Amino acid sequence: WGSCSRKGNLNFNYMIAALPPALMDYVIVHELCHLSVFNHSPQFWTLVAQRVPNHRVLRAALRGHGHLLR
């Protein structure tokens, strides 16, 4: 759905616009957090959780929307 380069460039698949707003927000926050922590370490997930407390629920829901990318 999105990516963050080592240079700090954020990219998003255009299909993000088809997601429900809460999922879209989660994807954006996820990638923005990579500007501070460039991995998926516990520190990264703590940062995500500070901004999106229900990120685990949203992440699971996002998996159900994977068909939009095919």
Protein backbone atom coordinates (compact mmCIF):
# COMPACT_ATOMS: atom_id res chain seq x y z
CA TRP A 1 0.00 0.00 0.00
CA GLY A 2 2.88 2.35 0.74
CA SER A 3 6.61 2.63 1.09
CA CYS A 4 9.25 4.93 2.53
CA SER A 5 12.66 5.16 0.90
CA ARG A 6 15.93 5.67 2.75
CA LYS A 7 15.86 9.23 1.37
CA GLY A 8 12.51 9.81 3.07
CA ASN A 9 10.38 9.66 -0.06
CA LEU A 10 6.89 8.40 0.69
CA ASN A 11 5.02 6.52 -2.03
CA PHE A 12 1.48 5.19 -1.98
CA ASN A 13 -0.42 2.92 -4.33
CA TYR A 14 -3.25 4.86 -5.97
CA MET A 15 -5.70 2.22 -4.73
CA ILE A 16 -5.29 3.59 -1.22
CA ALA A 17 -8.08 5.98 -2.23
CA ALA A 18 -10.49 3.02 -2.34
CA LEU A 19 -9.85 2.11 1.31
CA PRO A 20 -12.10 3.14 4.16
CA PRO A 21 -10.75 6.34 5.77
CA ALA A 22 -9.48 4.61 8.93
CA LEU A 23 -7.40 2.15 6.88
CA MET A 24 -6.10 4.91 4.64
CA ASP A 25 -5.05 6.89 7.72
CA TYR A 26 -3.31 3.82 9.17
CA VAL A 27 -1.27 3.26 6.00
CA ILE A 28 -0.22 6.91 5.92
CA VAL A 29 0.73 6.97 9.61
CA HIS A 30 2.62 3.68 9.18
CA GLU A 31 4.75 5.15 6.42
CA LEU A 32 5.22 8.47 8.25
CA CYS A 33 6.54 6.56 11.27
CA HIS A 34 9.21 5.05 9.00
CA LEU A 35 10.66 8.55 8.70
CA SER A 36 11.72 8.16 12.35
CA VAL A 37 12.32 4.40 12.55
CA PHE A 38 13.25 2.71 9.27
CA ASN A 39 12.32 -0.87 10.22
CA HIS A 40 9.56 -2.86 11.89
CA SER A 41 11.23 -3.12 15.29
CA PRO A 42 9.37 -2.88 18.60
CA GLN A 43 10.39 0.80 18.68
CA PHE A 44 8.61 1.33 15.34
CA TRP A 45 5.41 -0.38 16.50
CA THR A 46 5.46 1.64 19.74
CA LEU A 47 5.60 4.80 17.64
CA VAL A 48 2.72 3.60 15.46
CA ALA A 49 0.68 2.66 18.56
CA GLN A 50 1.15 6.16 19.98
CA ARG A 51 -0.60 7.56 16.94
CA VAL A 52 -2.99 4.71 16.09
CA PRO A 53 -3.78 2.73 19.25
CA ASN A 54 -5.89 0.14 17.34
CA HIS A 55 -3.25 -0.40 14.65
CA ARG A 56 -3.34 -4.20 15.06
CA VAL A 57 -7.05 -4.30 14.26
CA LEU A 58 -6.60 -1.98 11.30
CA ARG A 59 -3.60 -3.94 10.01
CA ALA A 60 -5.64 -7.15 10.09
CA ALA A 61 -8.53 -5.41 8.31
CA LEU A 62 -6.13 -4.11 5.66
CA ARG A 63 -5.18 -7.67 4.77
CA GLY A 64 -8.80 -8.20 3.74
CA HIS A 65 -8.47 -5.41 1.19
CA GLY A 66 -5.46 -6.94 -0.58
CA HIS A 67 -7.66 -7.93 -3.51
CA LEU A 68 -7.73 -4.25 -4.52
CA LEU A 69 -4.05 -4.46 -5.42
CA ARG A 70 -4.45 -7.37 -7.80
